[in-house]
Amino acid sequence: MYDRFVYKKRQAVDNYSELAEKRDDWIKKNLGIHFDYEDGSSASANIRVVKFAIVNRLKSEPSLYLDELFMPRAIYELSRYWTHNGVDADTEEVFINMKKGSMSFFFQDIEEYGMSTAIYVLTSGDRSLIEAMYRPLGNAIFSLEVLLPLYPDLTGSDLKKFYSCQM
């Protein structure tokens, strides 16, 4: 399923630099970080810097959990980090605080090609991250009642089919 999203994105995106620019702009504006990609630093080192900057901002400004301009991209970036580096002490804290905030941020299509944080996490195959997300949020996050306002054309059979793909 994840491969289908990647394939769809490749078809729709002629140049990944547009997505990278949007991401870099968000990182500069919200985290005050500017990456010099010619300095030899690795992508994994950069995403680690982003992860800690997001977590530190959330700890110092808990109101950001409700910020619709900050949190959707933040949770997506954190999920990317946790998918590649494993869950850590911050994972549960962030998901617990997301429960207090707006869970709808999990379903926003950050890259505009069908890949929300919820889909990214579920299709990653990272069972520890999936479990870390479910533990505080519970199954209600993927209930039809929660998803319908976000996806008006969704039916119960669509949801059942999606869950069947995950088993």
C-alpha atoms as a PDB file:
ATOM      1  CA  MET A   1       0.000   0.000   0.000  1.00  0.00           C
ATOM      2  CA  TYR A   2       2.824   2.411   0.873  1.00  0.00           C
ATOM      3  CA  ASP A   3       4.421   1.686  -2.506  1.00  0.00           C
ATOM      4  CA  ARG A   4       1.166   2.669  -4.223  1.00  0.00           C
ATOM      5  CA  PHE A   5       1.232   6.052  -2.495  1.00  0.00           C
ATOM      6  CA  VAL A   6       4.852   6.579  -3.491  1.00  0.00           C
ATOM      7  CA  TYR A   7       4.039   5.581  -7.082  1.00  0.00           C
ATOM      8  CA  LYS A   8       1.056   7.957  -7.142  1.00  0.00           C
ATOM      9  CA  LYS A   9       3.224  10.768  -5.818  1.00  0.00           C
ATOM     10  CA  ARG A  10       5.915  10.094  -8.413  1.00  0.00           C
ATOM     11  CA  GLN A  11       3.319  10.300 -11.160  1.00  0.00           C
ATOM     12  CA  ALA A  12       1.937  13.571  -9.833  1.00  0.00           C
ATOM     13  CA  VAL A  13       5.193  15.265  -8.907  1.00  0.00           C
ATOM     14  CA  ASP A  14       7.454  16.149 -11.776  1.00  0.00           C
ATOM     15  CA  ASN A  15      10.086  17.563  -9.514  1.00  0.00           C
ATOM     16  CA  TYR A  16      10.574  16.643  -5.865  1.00  0.00           C
ATOM     17  CA  SER A  17      12.322  19.964  -5.304  1.00  0.00           C
ATOM     18  CA  GLU A  18       8.900  21.636  -4.974  1.00  0.00           C
ATOM     19  CA  LEU A  19       8.018  19.366  -2.041  1.00  0.00           C
ATOM     20  CA  ALA A  20      11.465  19.853  -0.522  1.00  0.00           C
ATOM     21  CA  GLU A  21      11.118  23.637  -0.804  1.00  0.00           C
ATOM     22  CA  LYS A  22       7.757  23.582   0.987  1.00  0.00           C
ATOM     23  CA  ARG A  23       9.244  21.441   3.740  1.00  0.00           C
ATOM     24  CA  ASP A  24      12.337  23.642   4.064  1.00  0.00           C
ATOM     25  CA  ASP A  25      10.171  26.780   4.187  1.00  0.00           C
ATOM     26  CA  TRP A  26       8.105  25.300   7.016  1.00  0.00           C
ATOM     27  CA  ILE A  27      11.261  24.264   8.902  1.00  0.00           C
ATOM     28  CA  LYS A  28      12.799  27.752   8.519  1.00  0.00           C
ATOM     29  CA  LYS A  29       9.604  29.572   9.495  1.00  0.00           C
ATOM     30  CA  ASN A  30       8.529  27.371  12.405  1.00  0.00           C
ATOM     31  CA  LEU A  31      11.777  25.989  13.768  1.00  0.00           C
ATOM     32  CA  GLY A  32      14.317  28.619  12.752  1.00  0.00           C
ATOM     33  CA  ILE A  33      16.505  26.000  11.081  1.00  0.00           C
ATOM     34  CA  HIS A  34      18.225  26.493   7.741  1.00  0.00           C
ATOM     35  CA  PHE A  35      19.988  23.500   6.243  1.00  0.00           C
ATOM     36  CA  ASP A  36      23.007  23.973   4.023  1.00  0.00           C
ATOM     37  CA  TYR A  37      22.714  20.859   1.912  1.00  0.00           C
ATOM     38  CA  GLU A  38      26.223  21.286   0.593  1.00  0.00           C
ATOM     39  CA  ASP A  39      27.857  20.973   4.012  1.00  0.00           C
ATOM     40  CA  GLY A  40      27.872  17.191   3.791  1.00  0.00           C
ATOM     41  CA  SER A  41      25.348  16.525   6.534  1.00  0.00           C
ATOM     42  CA  SER A  42      23.173  13.484   6.010  1.00  0.00           C
ATOM     43  CA  ALA A  43      19.401  13.439   5.648  1.00  0.00           C
ATOM     44  CA  SER A  44      19.143  11.329   8.815  1.00  0.00           C
ATOM     45  CA  ALA A  45      21.156  13.915  10.763  1.00  0.00           C
ATOM     46  CA  ASN A  46      18.901  16.685   9.456  1.00  0.00           C
ATOM     47  CA  ILE A  47      15.689  14.864  10.350  1.00  0.00           C
ATOM     48  CA  ARG A  48      17.089  14.271  13.840  1.00  0.00           C
ATOM     49  CA  VAL A  49      17.666  18.026  14.231  1.00  0.00           C
ATOM     50  CA  VAL A  50      14.091  18.661  13.060  1.00  0.00           C
ATOM     51  CA  LYS A  51      12.690  16.059  15.467  1.00  0.00           C
ATOM     52  CA  PHE A  52      14.362  17.582  18.516  1.00  0.00           C
ATOM     53  CA  ALA A  53      13.440  21.124  17.456  1.00  0.00           C
ATOM     54  CA  ILE A  54       9.766  20.134  17.126  1.00  0.00           C
ATOM     55  CA  VAL A  55       9.710  18.283  20.447  1.00  0.00           C
ATOM     56  CA  ASN A  56      11.414  21.186  22.232  1.00  0.00           C
ATOM     57  CA  ARG A  57       8.918  23.687  20.773  1.00  0.00           C
ATOM     58  CA  LEU A  58       5.995  21.485  21.814  1.00  0.00           C
ATOM     59  CA  LYS A  59       7.368  21.196  25.353  1.00  0.00           C
ATOM     60  CA  SER A  60       7.908  24.946  25.662  1.00  0.00           C
ATOM     61  CA  GLU A  61       4.679  25.919  23.854  1.00  0.00           C
ATOM     62  CA  PRO A  62       1.982  23.258  24.474  1.00  0.00           C
ATOM     63  CA  SER A  63      -0.591  25.441  22.694  1.00  0.00           C
ATOM     64  CA  LEU A  64       1.092  24.391  19.430  1.00  0.00           C
ATOM     65  CA  TYR A  65      -0.717  21.047  19.707  1.00  0.00           C
ATOM     66  CA  LEU A  66      -3.823  22.977  18.613  1.00  0.00           C
ATOM     67  CA  ASP A  67      -2.095  25.123  15.982  1.00  0.00           C
ATOM     68  CA  GLU A  68      -3.388  24.136  12.559  1.00  0.00           C
ATOM     69  CA  LEU A  69      -0.413  25.780  10.837  1.00  0.00           C
ATOM     70  CA  PHE A  70       2.188  24.015  12.972  1.00  0.00           C
ATOM     71  CA  MET A  71       0.937  20.649  14.151  1.00  0.00           C
ATOM     72  CA  PRO A  72      -0.071  18.840  10.933  1.00  0.00           C
ATOM     73  CA  ARG A  73       3.449  19.149   9.459  1.00  0.00           C
ATOM     74  CA  ALA A  74       5.061  18.644  12.874  1.00  0.00           C
ATOM     75  CA  ILE A  75       3.359  15.299  13.522  1.00  0.00           C
ATOM     76  CA  TYR A  76       4.151  14.200   9.964  1.00  0.00           C
ATOM     77  CA  GLU A  77       7.850  15.054  10.401  1.00  0.00           C
ATOM     78  CA  LEU A  78       7.965  13.329  13.794  1.00  0.00           C
ATOM     79  CA  SER A  79       6.355  10.217  12.329  1.00  0.00           C
ATOM     80  CA  ARG A  80       8.946  10.177   9.550  1.00  0.00           C
ATOM     81  CA  TYR A  81      11.699  10.324  12.170  1.00  0.00           C
ATOM     82  CA  TRP A  82      10.152   7.583  14.316  1.00  0.00           C
ATOM     83  CA  THR A  83       9.596   5.345  11.296  1.00  0.00           C
ATOM     84  CA  HIS A  84      13.299   5.436  10.434  1.00  0.00           C
ATOM     85  CA  ASN A  85      14.814   5.706  13.921  1.00  0.00           C
ATOM     86  CA  GLY A  86      12.326   3.878  16.115  1.00  0.00           C
ATOM     87  CA  VAL A  87      10.007   5.117  18.806  1.00  0.00           C
ATOM     88  CA  ASP A  88      11.518   6.874  21.795  1.00  0.00           C
ATOM     89  CA  ALA A  89      10.514   8.542  25.065  1.00  0.00           C
ATOM     90  CA  ASP A  90       8.972  11.490  23.207  1.00  0.00           C
ATOM     91  CA  THR A  91       6.655   9.362  21.061  1.00  0.00           C
ATOM     92  CA  GLU A  92       4.059   8.534  23.693  1.00  0.00           C
ATOM     93  CA  GLU A  93       4.114  12.054  25.149  1.00  0.00           C
ATOM     94  CA  VAL A  94       3.406  13.588  21.745  1.00  0.00           C
ATOM     95  CA  PHE A  95       0.577  11.162  20.952  1.00  0.00           C
ATOM     96  CA  ILE A  96      -0.997  11.661  24.405  1.00  0.00           C
ATOM     97  CA  ASN A  97      -0.938  15.408  23.878  1.00  0.00           C
ATOM     98  CA  MET A  98      -2.342  14.948  20.374  1.00  0.00           C
ATOM     99  CA  LYS A  99      -5.316  13.220  21.977  1.00  0.00           C
ATOM    100  CA  LYS A 100      -5.928  16.391  23.958  1.00  0.00           C
ATOM    101  CA  GLY A 101      -5.599  18.445  20.800  1.00  0.00           C
ATOM    102  CA  SER A 102      -7.047  17.890  17.381  1.00  0.00           C
ATOM    103  CA  MET A 103      -6.759  14.373  16.008  1.00  0.00           C
ATOM    104  CA  SER A 104      -7.862  15.679  12.615  1.00  0.00           C
ATOM    105  CA  PHE A 105      -4.246  16.777  12.064  1.00  0.00           C
ATOM    106  CA  PHE A 106      -3.381  13.096  11.549  1.00  0.00           C
ATOM    107  CA  PHE A 107      -5.523  13.065   8.422  1.00  0.00           C
ATOM    108  CA  GLN A 108      -4.292  16.193   6.678  1.00  0.00           C
ATOM    109  CA  ASP A 109      -2.554  15.506   3.405  1.00  0.00           C
ATOM    110  CA  ILE A 110       0.731  17.278   4.109  1.00  0.00           C
ATOM    111  CA  GLU A 111       2.411  16.632   0.771  1.00  0.00           C
ATOM    112  CA  GLU A 112      -0.870  16.999  -1.147  1.00  0.00           C
ATOM    113  CA  TYR A 113      -0.615  13.573  -2.754  1.00  0.00           C
ATOM    114  CA  GLY A 114      -2.692  11.346  -0.487  1.00  0.00           C
ATOM    115  CA  MET A 115      -0.156  10.765   2.286  1.00  0.00           C
ATOM    116  CA  SER A 116      -1.483  11.896   5.648  1.00  0.00           C
ATOM    117  CA  THR A 117       0.361  11.076   8.860  1.00  0.00           C
ATOM    118  CA  ALA A 118      -2.185   8.373   9.684  1.00  0.00           C
ATOM    119  CA  ILE A 119      -1.709   6.702   6.304  1.00  0.00           C
ATOM    120  CA  TYR A 120       2.070   7.115   6.496  1.00  0.00           C
ATOM    121  CA  VAL A 121       2.219   5.430   9.916  1.00  0.00           C
ATOM    122  CA  LEU A 122      -0.178   2.615   9.015  1.00  0.00           C
ATOM    123  CA  THR A 123       1.529   1.813   5.727  1.00  0.00           C
ATOM    124  CA  SER A 124       5.060   2.082   7.115  1.00  0.00           C
ATOM    125  CA  GLY A 125       4.881  -1.418   8.548  1.00  0.00           C
ATOM    126  CA  ASP A 126       6.529  -0.119  11.729  1.00  0.00           C
ATOM    127  CA  ARG A 127       4.501  -2.050  14.295  1.00  0.00           C
ATOM    128  CA  SER A 128       6.058  -0.297  17.295  1.00  0.00           C
ATOM    129  CA  LEU A 129       5.095   3.117  15.896  1.00  0.00           C
ATOM    130  CA  ILE A 130       1.579   1.933  15.031  1.00  0.00           C
ATOM    131  CA  GLU A 131       1.198   0.585  18.553  1.00  0.00           C
ATOM    132  CA  ALA A 132       2.624   3.775  20.067  1.00  0.00           C
ATOM    133  CA  MET A 133       0.022   5.772  18.149  1.00  0.00           C
ATOM    134  CA  TYR A 134      -2.878   3.472  19.060  1.00  0.00           C
ATOM    135  CA  ARG A 135      -2.042   3.182  22.755  1.00  0.00           C
ATOM    136  CA  PRO A 136      -3.016   6.760  23.712  1.00  0.00           C
ATOM    137  CA  LEU A 137      -5.376   7.487  20.811  1.00  0.00           C
ATOM    138  CA  GLY A 138      -7.265   4.213  20.613  1.00  0.00           C
ATOM    139  CA  ASN A 139      -9.291   2.794  17.774  1.00  0.00           C
ATOM    140  CA  ALA A 140     -11.598   5.811  17.834  1.00  0.00           C
ATOM    141  CA  ILE A 141      -9.091   7.729  15.720  1.00  0.00           C
ATOM    142  CA  PHE A 142      -9.993   5.508  12.766  1.00  0.00           C
ATOM    143  CA  SER A 143     -13.713   5.224  13.417  1.00  0.00           C
ATOM    144  CA  LEU A 144     -16.048   6.022  10.563  1.00  0.00           C
ATOM    145  CA  GLU A 145     -17.572   8.862  12.615  1.00  0.00           C
ATOM    146  CA  VAL A 146     -14.192  10.576  12.942  1.00  0.00           C
ATOM    147  CA  LEU A 147     -13.209  10.032   9.320  1.00  0.00           C
ATOM    148  CA  LEU A 148     -16.477  11.065   7.634  1.00  0.00           C
ATOM    149  CA  PRO A 149     -16.047  14.829   8.103  1.00  0.00           C
ATOM    150  CA  LEU A 150     -12.569  14.522   6.610  1.00  0.00           C
ATOM    151  CA  TYR A 151     -13.484  12.076   3.837  1.00  0.00           C
ATOM    152  CA  PRO A 152     -17.200  12.562   3.019  1.00  0.00           C
ATOM    153  CA  ASP A 153     -17.252   9.818   0.367  1.00  0.00           C
ATOM    154  CA  LEU A 154     -15.860   7.158   2.702  1.00  0.00           C
ATOM    155  CA  THR A 155     -18.080   4.157   3.343  1.00  0.00           C
ATOM    156  CA  GLY A 156     -17.885   1.405   5.918  1.00  0.00           C
ATOM    157  CA  SER A 157     -16.820  -1.050   3.223  1.00  0.00           C
ATOM    158  CA  ASP A 158     -13.944   1.274   2.236  1.00  0.00           C
ATOM    159  CA  LEU A 159     -12.742   1.312   5.807  1.00  0.00           C
ATOM    160  CA  LYS A 160     -13.095  -2.454   6.114  1.00  0.00           C
ATOM    161  CA  LYS A 161     -11.124  -2.925   2.880  1.00  0.00           C
ATOM    162  CA  PHE A 162      -8.388  -0.593   4.149  1.00  0.00           C
ATOM    163  CA  TYR A 163      -8.110  -2.436   7.464  1.00  0.00           C
ATOM    164  CA  SER A 164      -8.006  -5.777   5.632  1.00  0.00           C
ATOM    165  CA  CYS A 165      -4.963  -4.578   3.705  1.00  0.00           C
ATOM    166  CA  GLN A 166      -3.204  -3.894   6.985  1.00  0.00           C
ATOM    167  CA  MET A 167      -3.655  -7.368   8.438  1.00  0.00           C
END
